[in-house]
Amino acid sequence: MSDPFAGAASGLSGPATRHFAISPSDSADLAIRPRALLFQTDGNAVLRDESGTDITYGRYAGDVLPIRAVRVLATGTTATLIGWI
C-alpha cells in the first residue's frame, strides 16, 4: 500500500500510527507509553503520570484522553482502554 506521508515526521499532535490493548496493572508500568488513551467502554481509569501521581478519570465510550500515562492501575479501573502511539 502506498503511503504519501511515509517521509513526514509525526509529532505528538499528529495521528497515531499504532494501537494496543491496555492491560491494567497495579505493579507494572506500560511497556509502551501511549500518546493518548481511547475509552472503549464507559468507566473509570486510574492513571499514573511520570511524576508518580495517580488520578482517576471518569469517561464515556469513545472519549480520547490525551495523556502519556506510565501506568494504568487495575485497582479502580473499570473501563476498557486502547493505547494510541
PDB file of N, CA and C in Angstrom:
ATOM      1  N   MET A   1       0.849  -1.168   0.000  1.00  0.00           N
ATOM      2  CA  MET A   1       0.000   0.000   0.000  1.00  0.00           C
ATOM      3  C   MET A   1       0.896   1.231   0.000  1.00  0.00           C
ATOM      4  N   SER A   2       0.583   2.185  -0.813  1.00  0.00           N
ATOM      5  CA  SER A   2       1.325   3.431  -0.902  1.00  0.00           C
ATOM      6  C   SER A   2       0.973   4.341   0.263  1.00  0.00           C
ATOM      7  N   ASP A   3       1.991   4.993   0.847  1.00  0.00           N
ATOM      8  CA  ASP A   3       1.776   5.928   1.948  1.00  0.00           C
ATOM      9  C   ASP A   3       2.410   7.264   1.566  1.00  0.00           C
ATOM     10  N   PRO A   4       1.602   8.247   1.151  1.00  0.00           N
ATOM     11  CA  PRO A   4       2.157   9.522   0.728  1.00  0.00           C
ATOM     12  C   PRO A   4       2.801  10.313   1.878  1.00  0.00           C
ATOM     13  N   PHE A   5       2.602   9.882   3.115  1.00  0.00           N
ATOM     14  CA  PHE A   5       3.167  10.578   4.271  1.00  0.00           C
ATOM     15  C   PHE A   5       4.324   9.813   4.913  1.00  0.00           C
ATOM     16  N   ALA A   6       4.840   8.806   4.234  1.00  0.00           N
ATOM     17  CA  ALA A   6       5.884   7.951   4.808  1.00  0.00           C
ATOM     18  C   ALA A   6       7.121   8.739   5.224  1.00  0.00           C
ATOM     19  N   GLY A   7       7.462   9.788   4.528  1.00  0.00           N
ATOM     20  CA  GLY A   7       8.652  10.563   4.843  1.00  0.00           C
ATOM     21  C   GLY A   7       8.418  11.707   5.807  1.00  0.00           C
ATOM     22  N   ALA A   8       7.188  11.900   6.228  1.00  0.00           N
ATOM     23  CA  ALA A   8       6.856  13.021   7.116  1.00  0.00           C
ATOM     24  C   ALA A   8       7.009  12.608   8.575  1.00  0.00           C
ATOM     25  N   ALA A   9       7.508  13.528   9.377  1.00  0.00           N
ATOM     26  CA  ALA A   9       7.611  13.285  10.817  1.00  0.00           C
ATOM     27  C   ALA A   9       6.234  13.398  11.456  1.00  0.00           C
ATOM     28  N   SER A  10       5.966  12.547  12.431  1.00  0.00           N
ATOM     29  CA  SER A  10       4.695  12.577  13.147  1.00  0.00           C
ATOM     30  C   SER A  10       4.958  12.972  14.590  1.00  0.00           C
ATOM     31  N   GLY A  11       4.571  14.172  14.965  1.00  0.00           N
ATOM     32  CA  GLY A  11       4.748  14.642  16.340  1.00  0.00           C
ATOM     33  C   GLY A  11       3.624  14.143  17.224  1.00  0.00           C
ATOM     34  N   LEU A  12       3.634  14.592  18.474  1.00  0.00           N
ATOM     35  CA  LEU A  12       2.602  14.155  19.411  1.00  0.00           C
ATOM     36  C   LEU A  12       1.210  14.634  19.028  1.00  0.00           C
ATOM     37  N   SER A  13       1.115  15.700  18.242  1.00  0.00           N
ATOM     38  CA  SER A  13      -0.204  16.197  17.843  1.00  0.00           C
ATOM     39  C   SER A  13      -0.684  15.547  16.552  1.00  0.00           C
ATOM     40  N   GLY A  14       0.150  14.748  15.914  1.00  0.00           N
ATOM     41  CA  GLY A  14      -0.239  14.055  14.687  1.00  0.00           C
ATOM     42  C   GLY A  14      -1.049  12.807  14.999  1.00  0.00           C
ATOM     43  N   PRO A  15      -1.557  12.162  13.963  1.00  0.00           N
ATOM     44  CA  PRO A  15      -2.368  10.967  14.180  1.00  0.00           C
ATOM     45  C   PRO A  15      -1.514   9.795  14.663  1.00  0.00           C
ATOM     46  N   ALA A  16      -2.132   8.919  15.414  1.00  0.00           N
ATOM     47  CA  ALA A  16      -1.456   7.711  15.875  1.00  0.00           C
ATOM     48  C   ALA A  16      -1.201   6.788  14.691  1.00  0.00           C
ATOM     49  N   THR A  17      -0.146   6.012  14.778  1.00  0.00           N
ATOM     50  CA  THR A  17       0.171   5.066  13.712  1.00  0.00           C
ATOM     51  C   THR A  17       0.071   3.618  14.174  1.00  0.00           C
ATOM     52  N   ARG A  18      -0.020   3.420  15.503  1.00  0.00           N
ATOM     53  CA  ARG A  18      -0.172   2.070  16.057  1.00  0.00           C
ATOM     54  C   ARG A  18      -1.117   2.133  17.250  1.00  0.00           C
ATOM     55  N   HIS A  19      -1.622   0.966  17.630  1.00  0.00           N
ATOM     56  CA  HIS A  19      -2.519   0.890  18.790  1.00  0.00           C
ATOM     57  C   HIS A  19      -2.293  -0.446  19.503  1.00  0.00           C
ATOM     58  N   PHE A  20      -2.678  -0.489  20.766  1.00  0.00           N
ATOM     59  CA  PHE A  20      -2.537  -1.729  21.525  1.00  0.00           C
ATOM     60  C   PHE A  20      -3.543  -1.753  22.667  1.00  0.00           C
ATOM     61  N   ALA A  21      -3.936  -2.956  23.059  1.00  0.00           N
ATOM     62  CA  ALA A  21      -4.858  -3.120  24.188  1.00  0.00           C
ATOM     63  C   ALA A  21      -4.107  -2.843  25.487  1.00  0.00           C
ATOM     64  N   ILE A  22      -4.740  -2.145  26.390  1.00  0.00           N
ATOM     65  CA  ILE A  22      -4.166  -1.838  27.702  1.00  0.00           C
ATOM     66  C   ILE A  22      -4.573  -2.928  28.688  1.00  0.00           C
ATOM     67  N   SER A  23      -3.590  -3.462  29.400  1.00  0.00           N
ATOM     68  CA  SER A  23      -3.841  -4.412  30.489  1.00  0.00           C
ATOM     69  C   SER A  23      -3.500  -3.712  31.802  1.00  0.00           C
ATOM     70  N   PRO A  24      -4.495  -3.241  32.534  1.00  0.00           N
ATOM     71  CA  PRO A  24      -4.214  -2.539  33.787  1.00  0.00           C
ATOM     72  C   PRO A  24      -3.433  -3.418  34.768  1.00  0.00           C
ATOM     73  N   SER A  25      -2.525  -2.788  35.514  1.00  0.00           N
ATOM     74  CA  SER A  25      -1.707  -3.497  36.491  1.00  0.00           C
ATOM     75  C   SER A  25      -1.349  -2.547  37.631  1.00  0.00           C
ATOM     76  N   ASP A  26      -1.433  -3.055  38.843  1.00  0.00           N
ATOM     77  CA  ASP A  26      -1.031  -2.258  39.999  1.00  0.00           C
ATOM     78  C   ASP A  26       0.482  -2.267  40.216  1.00  0.00           C
ATOM     79  N   SER A  27       1.197  -3.170  39.517  1.00  0.00           N
ATOM     80  CA  SER A  27       2.628  -3.318  39.784  1.00  0.00           C
ATOM     81  C   SER A  27       3.544  -3.072  38.591  1.00  0.00           C
ATOM     82  N   ALA A  28       3.010  -3.017  37.386  1.00  0.00           N
ATOM     83  CA  ALA A  28       3.873  -2.884  36.203  1.00  0.00           C
ATOM     84  C   ALA A  28       3.494  -1.668  35.371  1.00  0.00           C
ATOM     85  N   ASP A  29       4.524  -0.929  34.954  1.00  0.00           N
ATOM     86  CA  ASP A  29       4.307   0.185  34.031  1.00  0.00           C
ATOM     87  C   ASP A  29       3.946  -0.357  32.653  1.00  0.00           C
ATOM     88  N   LEU A  30       3.350   0.490  31.833  1.00  0.00           N
ATOM     89  CA  LEU A  30       3.053   0.111  30.451  1.00  0.00           C
ATOM     90  C   LEU A  30       4.362  -0.142  29.710  1.00  0.00           C
ATOM     91  N   ALA A  31       4.392  -1.145  28.855  1.00  0.00           N
ATOM     92  CA  ALA A  31       5.600  -1.449  28.072  1.00  0.00           C
ATOM     93  C   ALA A  31       5.896  -0.333  27.086  1.00  0.00           C
ATOM     94  N   ILE A  32       4.847   0.302  26.588  1.00  0.00           N
ATOM     95  CA  ILE A  32       4.964   1.421  25.648  1.00  0.00           C
ATOM     96  C   ILE A  32       4.095   2.548  26.184  1.00  0.00           C
ATOM     97  N   ARG A  33       4.660   3.758  26.255  1.00  0.00           N
ATOM     98  CA  ARG A  33       3.857   4.915  26.692  1.00  0.00           C
ATOM     99  C   ARG A  33       3.032   5.416  25.518  1.00  0.00           C
ATOM    100  N   PRO A  34       1.721   5.433  25.667  1.00  0.00           N
ATOM    101  CA  PRO A  34       0.869   5.912  24.581  1.00  0.00           C
ATOM    102  C   PRO A  34       0.870   7.437  24.495  1.00  0.00           C
ATOM    103  N   ARG A  35       0.467   7.943  23.327  1.00  0.00           N
ATOM    104  CA  ARG A  35       0.273   9.391  23.197  1.00  0.00           C
ATOM    105  C   ARG A  35      -1.124   9.784  23.648  1.00  0.00           C
ATOM    106  N   ALA A  36      -2.036   8.806  23.663  1.00  0.00           N
ATOM    107  CA  ALA A  36      -3.416   9.042  24.101  1.00  0.00           C
ATOM    108  C   ALA A  36      -4.065   7.703  24.430  1.00  0.00           C
ATOM    109  N   LEU A  37      -5.163   7.770  25.174  1.00  0.00           N
ATOM    110  CA  LEU A  37      -5.937   6.581  25.527  1.00  0.00           C
ATOM    111  C   LEU A  37      -7.351   6.721  24.991  1.00  0.00           C
ATOM    112  N   LEU A  38      -7.835   5.671  24.343  1.00  0.00           N
ATOM    113  CA  LEU A  38      -9.208   5.607  23.856  1.00  0.00           C
ATOM    114  C   LEU A  38     -10.020   4.754  24.827  1.00  0.00           C
ATOM    115  N   PHE A  39     -11.124   5.317  25.323  1.00  0.00           N
ATOM    116  CA  PHE A  39     -12.032   4.572  26.189  1.00  0.00           C
ATOM    117  C   PHE A  39     -12.990   3.786  25.301  1.00  0.00           C
ATOM    118  N   GLN A  40     -12.894   2.464  25.347  1.00  0.00           N
ATOM    119  CA  GLN A  40     -13.804   1.622  24.562  1.00  0.00           C
ATOM    120  C   GLN A  40     -15.143   1.439  25.259  1.00  0.00           C
ATOM    121  N   THR A  41     -15.142   1.588  26.573  1.00  0.00           N
ATOM    122  CA  THR A  41     -16.370   1.448  27.355  1.00  0.00           C
ATOM    123  C   THR A  41     -16.456   2.603  28.341  1.00  0.00           C
ATOM    124  N   ASP A  42     -17.665   2.890  28.802  1.00  0.00           N
ATOM    125  CA  ASP A  42     -17.832   3.858  29.886  1.00  0.00           C
ATOM    126  C   ASP A  42     -17.115   3.330  31.125  1.00  0.00           C
ATOM    127  N   GLY A  43     -16.564   4.227  31.903  1.00  0.00           N
ATOM    128  CA  GLY A  43     -15.969   3.793  33.167  1.00  0.00           C
ATOM    129  C   GLY A  43     -14.847   4.687  33.620  1.00  0.00           C
ATOM    130  N   ASN A  44     -14.134   4.203  34.617  1.00  0.00           N
ATOM    131  CA  ASN A  44     -13.014   4.923  35.206  1.00  0.00           C
ATOM    132  C   ASN A  44     -11.693   4.314  34.781  1.00  0.00           C
ATOM    133  N   ALA A  45     -10.667   5.154  34.727  1.00  0.00           N
ATOM    134  CA  ALA A  45      -9.296   4.697  34.523  1.00  0.00           C
ATOM    135  C   ALA A  45      -8.430   5.418  35.542  1.00  0.00           C
ATOM    136  N   VAL A  46      -7.692   4.659  36.319  1.00  0.00           N
ATOM    137  CA  VAL A  46      -6.761   5.237  37.286  1.00  0.00           C
ATOM    138  C   VAL A  46      -5.394   5.257  36.612  1.00  0.00           C
ATOM    139  N   LEU A  47      -4.901   6.479  36.341  1.00  0.00           N
ATOM    140  CA  LEU A  47      -3.682   6.656  35.566  1.00  0.00           C
ATOM    141  C   LEU A  47      -2.576   7.242  36.419  1.00  0.00           C
ATOM    142  N   ARG A  48      -1.354   6.735  36.201  1.00  0.00           N
ATOM    143  CA  ARG A  48      -0.165   7.280  36.860  1.00  0.00           C
ATOM    144  C   ARG A  48       0.635   8.058  35.834  1.00  0.00           C
ATOM    145  N   ASP A  49       1.040   9.273  36.208  1.00  0.00           N
ATOM    146  CA  ASP A  49       1.873  10.071  35.301  1.00  0.00           C
ATOM    147  C   ASP A  49       3.351   9.862  35.634  1.00  0.00           C
ATOM    148  N   GLU A  50       4.219  10.553  34.897  1.00  0.00           N
ATOM    149  CA  GLU A  50       5.654  10.328  35.061  1.00  0.00           C
ATOM    150  C   GLU A  50       6.198  10.809  36.405  1.00  0.00           C
ATOM    151  N   SER A  51       5.438  11.615  37.136  1.00  0.00           N
ATOM    152  CA  SER A  51       5.884  12.055  38.466  1.00  0.00           C
ATOM    153  C   SER A  51       5.404  11.113  39.565  1.00  0.00           C
ATOM    154  N   GLY A  52       4.609  10.090  39.192  1.00  0.00           N
ATOM    155  CA  GLY A  52       4.110   9.126  40.169  1.00  0.00           C
ATOM    156  C   GLY A  52       2.754   9.467  40.751  1.00  0.00           C
ATOM    157  N   THR A  53       2.103  10.481  40.207  1.00  0.00           N
ATOM    158  CA  THR A  53       0.785  10.893  40.690  1.00  0.00           C
ATOM    159  C   THR A  53      -0.303  10.054  40.034  1.00  0.00           C
ATOM    160  N   ASP A  54      -1.200   9.506  40.841  1.00  0.00           N
ATOM    161  CA  ASP A  54      -2.334   8.716  40.358  1.00  0.00           C
ATOM    162  C   ASP A  54      -3.601   9.557  40.423  1.00  0.00           C
ATOM    163  N   ILE A  55      -4.352   9.570  39.332  1.00  0.00           N
ATOM    164  CA  ILE A  55      -5.630  10.292  39.273  1.00  0.00           C
ATOM    165  C   ILE A  55      -6.643   9.412  38.554  1.00  0.00           C
ATOM    166  N   THR A  56      -7.874   9.422  39.044  1.00  0.00           N
ATOM    167  CA  THR A  56      -8.963   8.681  38.421  1.00  0.00           C
ATOM    168  C   THR A  56      -9.690   9.580  37.432  1.00  0.00           C
ATOM    169  N   TYR A  57      -9.846   9.096  36.200  1.00  0.00           N
ATOM    170  CA  TYR A  57     -10.586   9.806  35.158  1.00  0.00           C
ATOM    171  C   TYR A  57     -11.834   8.992  34.829  1.00  0.00           C
ATOM    172  N   GLY A  58     -12.992   9.626  34.920  1.00  0.00           N
ATOM    173  CA  GLY A  58     -14.242   9.004  34.510  1.00  0.00           C
ATOM    174  C   GLY A  58     -14.587   9.497  33.104  1.00  0.00           C
ATOM    175  N   ARG A  59     -14.807   8.581  32.183  1.00  0.00           N
ATOM    176  CA  ARG A  59     -15.064   8.941  30.788  1.00  0.00           C
ATOM    177  C   ARG A  59     -16.127   8.020  30.191  1.00  0.00           C
ATOM    178  N   TYR A  60     -16.612   8.455  29.026  1.00  0.00           N
ATOM    179  CA  TYR A  60     -17.590   7.680  28.270  1.00  0.00           C
ATOM    180  C   TYR A  60     -16.910   6.945  27.114  1.00  0.00           C
ATOM    181  N   ALA A  61     -17.548   5.877  26.643  1.00  0.00           N
ATOM    182  CA  ALA A  61     -17.038   5.129  25.493  1.00  0.00           C
ATOM    183  C   ALA A  61     -16.849   6.076  24.318  1.00  0.00           C
ATOM    184  N   GLY A  62     -15.708   5.983  23.664  1.00  0.00           N
ATOM    185  CA  GLY A  62     -15.399   6.835  22.524  1.00  0.00           C
ATOM    186  C   GLY A  62     -14.562   8.057  22.874  1.00  0.00           C
ATOM    187  N   ASP A  63     -14.458   8.379  24.163  1.00  0.00           N
ATOM    188  CA  ASP A  63     -13.643   9.522  24.583  1.00  0.00           C
ATOM    189  C   ASP A  63     -12.159   9.210  24.402  1.00  0.00           C
ATOM    190  N   VAL A  64     -11.405  10.234  24.040  1.00  0.00           N
ATOM    191  CA  VAL A  64      -9.952  10.121  23.919  1.00  0.00           C
ATOM    192  C   VAL A  64      -9.337  11.036  24.963  1.00  0.00           C
ATOM    193  N   LEU A  65      -8.459  10.487  25.763  1.00  0.00           N
ATOM    194  CA  LEU A  65      -7.772  11.249  26.797  1.00  0.00           C
ATOM    195  C   LEU A  65      -6.309  11.412  26.368  1.00  0.00           C
ATOM    196  N   PRO A  66      -5.887  12.630  26.042  1.00  0.00           N
ATOM    197  CA  PRO A  66      -4.527  12.851  25.542  1.00  0.00           C
ATOM    198  C   PRO A  66      -3.508  12.951  26.678  1.00  0.00           C
ATOM    199  N   ILE A  67      -3.194  11.812  27.273  1.00  0.00           N
ATOM    200  CA  ILE A  67      -2.197  11.777  28.344  1.00  0.00           C
ATOM    201  C   ILE A  67      -1.227  10.637  28.077  1.00  0.00           C
ATOM    202  N   ARG A  68       0.044  10.874  28.344  1.00  0.00           N
ATOM    203  CA  ARG A  68       1.081   9.861  28.156  1.00  0.00           C
ATOM    204  C   ARG A  68       1.319   9.152  29.484  1.00  0.00           C
ATOM    205  N   ALA A  69       0.331   8.388  29.921  1.00  0.00           N
ATOM    206  CA  ALA A  69       0.395   7.680  31.202  1.00  0.00           C
ATOM    207  C   ALA A  69       1.546   6.668  31.204  1.00  0.00           C
ATOM    208  N   VAL A  70       2.140   6.473  32.373  1.00  0.00           N
ATOM    209  CA  VAL A  70       3.171   5.444  32.508  1.00  0.00           C
ATOM    210  C   VAL A  70       2.585   4.145  33.044  1.00  0.00           C
ATOM    211  N   ARG A  71       1.420   4.243  33.719  1.00  0.00           N
ATOM    212  CA  ARG A  71       0.769   3.045  34.244  1.00  0.00           C
ATOM    213  C   ARG A  71      -0.733   3.263  34.282  1.00  0.00           C
ATOM    214  N   VAL A  72      -1.477   2.199  34.019  1.00  0.00           N
ATOM    215  CA  VAL A  72      -2.923   2.166  34.232  1.00  0.00           C
ATOM    216  C   VAL A  72      -3.143   1.159  35.346  1.00  0.00           C
ATOM    217  N   LEU A  73      -3.566   1.648  36.488  1.00  0.00           N
ATOM    218  CA  LEU A  73      -3.716   0.767  37.644  1.00  0.00           C
ATOM    219  C   LEU A  73      -4.975  -0.090  37.517  1.00  0.00           C
ATOM    220  N   ALA A  74      -4.862  -1.352  37.971  1.00  0.00           N
ATOM    221  CA  ALA A  74      -6.002  -2.264  37.932  1.00  0.00           C
ATOM    222  C   ALA A  74      -7.045  -1.879  38.979  1.00  0.00           C
ATOM    223  N   THR A  75      -6.568  -1.504  40.170  1.00  0.00           N
ATOM    224  CA  THR A  75      -7.483  -1.127  41.243  1.00  0.00           C
ATOM    225  C   THR A  75      -8.156   0.194  40.892  1.00  0.00           C
ATOM    226  N   GLY A  76      -9.460   0.149  40.725  1.00  0.00           N
ATOM    227  CA  GLY A  76     -10.234   1.342  40.413  1.00  0.00           C
ATOM    228  C   GLY A  76     -10.518   1.545  38.941  1.00  0.00           C
ATOM    229  N   THR A  77      -9.803   0.833  38.064  1.00  0.00           N
ATOM    230  CA  THR A  77     -10.062   0.964  36.625  1.00  0.00           C
ATOM    231  C   THR A  77     -11.184   0.023  36.234  1.00  0.00           C
ATOM    232  N   THR A  78     -12.242   0.594  35.651  1.00  0.00           N
ATOM    233  CA  THR A  78     -13.394  -0.201  35.214  1.00  0.00           C
ATOM    234  C   THR A  78     -13.595  -0.145  33.704  1.00  0.00           C
ATOM    235  N   ALA A  79     -12.953   0.806  33.042  1.00  0.00           N
ATOM    236  CA  ALA A  79     -13.111   0.965  31.599  1.00  0.00           C
ATOM    237  C   ALA A  79     -12.147   0.056  30.843  1.00  0.00           C
ATOM    238  N   THR A  80     -12.496  -0.254  29.616  1.00  0.00           N
ATOM    239  CA  THR A  80     -11.606  -0.961  28.697  1.00  0.00           C
ATOM    240  C   THR A  80     -10.918   0.097  27.845  1.00  0.00           C
ATOM    241  N   LEU A  81      -9.583   0.019  27.768  1.00  0.00           N
ATOM    242  CA  LEU A  81      -8.797   1.071  27.135  1.00  0.00           C
ATOM    243  C   LEU A  81      -7.925   0.545  25.997  1.00  0.00           C
ATOM    244  N   ILE A  82      -7.695   1.426  25.030  1.00  0.00           N
ATOM    245  CA  ILE A  82      -6.756   1.187  23.927  1.00  0.00           C
ATOM    246  C   ILE A  82      -5.722   2.303  23.973  1.00  0.00           C
ATOM    247  N   GLY A  83      -4.455   1.943  23.842  1.00  0.00           N
ATOM    248  CA  GLY A  83      -3.397   2.938  23.769  1.00  0.00           C
ATOM    249  C   GLY A  83      -3.091   3.282  22.325  1.00  0.00           C
ATOM    250  N   TRP A  84      -2.939   4.562  22.043  1.00  0.00           N
ATOM    251  CA  TRP A  84      -2.562   5.031  20.704  1.00  0.00           C
ATOM    252  C   TRP A  84      -1.136   5.551  20.751  1.00  0.00           C
ATOM    253  N   ILE A  85      -0.319   5.104  19.801  1.00  0.00           N
ATOM    254  CA  ILE A  85       1.061   5.581  19.709  1.00  0.00           C
ATOM    255  C   ILE A  85       1.391   5.985  18.288  1.00  0.00           C
TER     256      ILE A  85
END
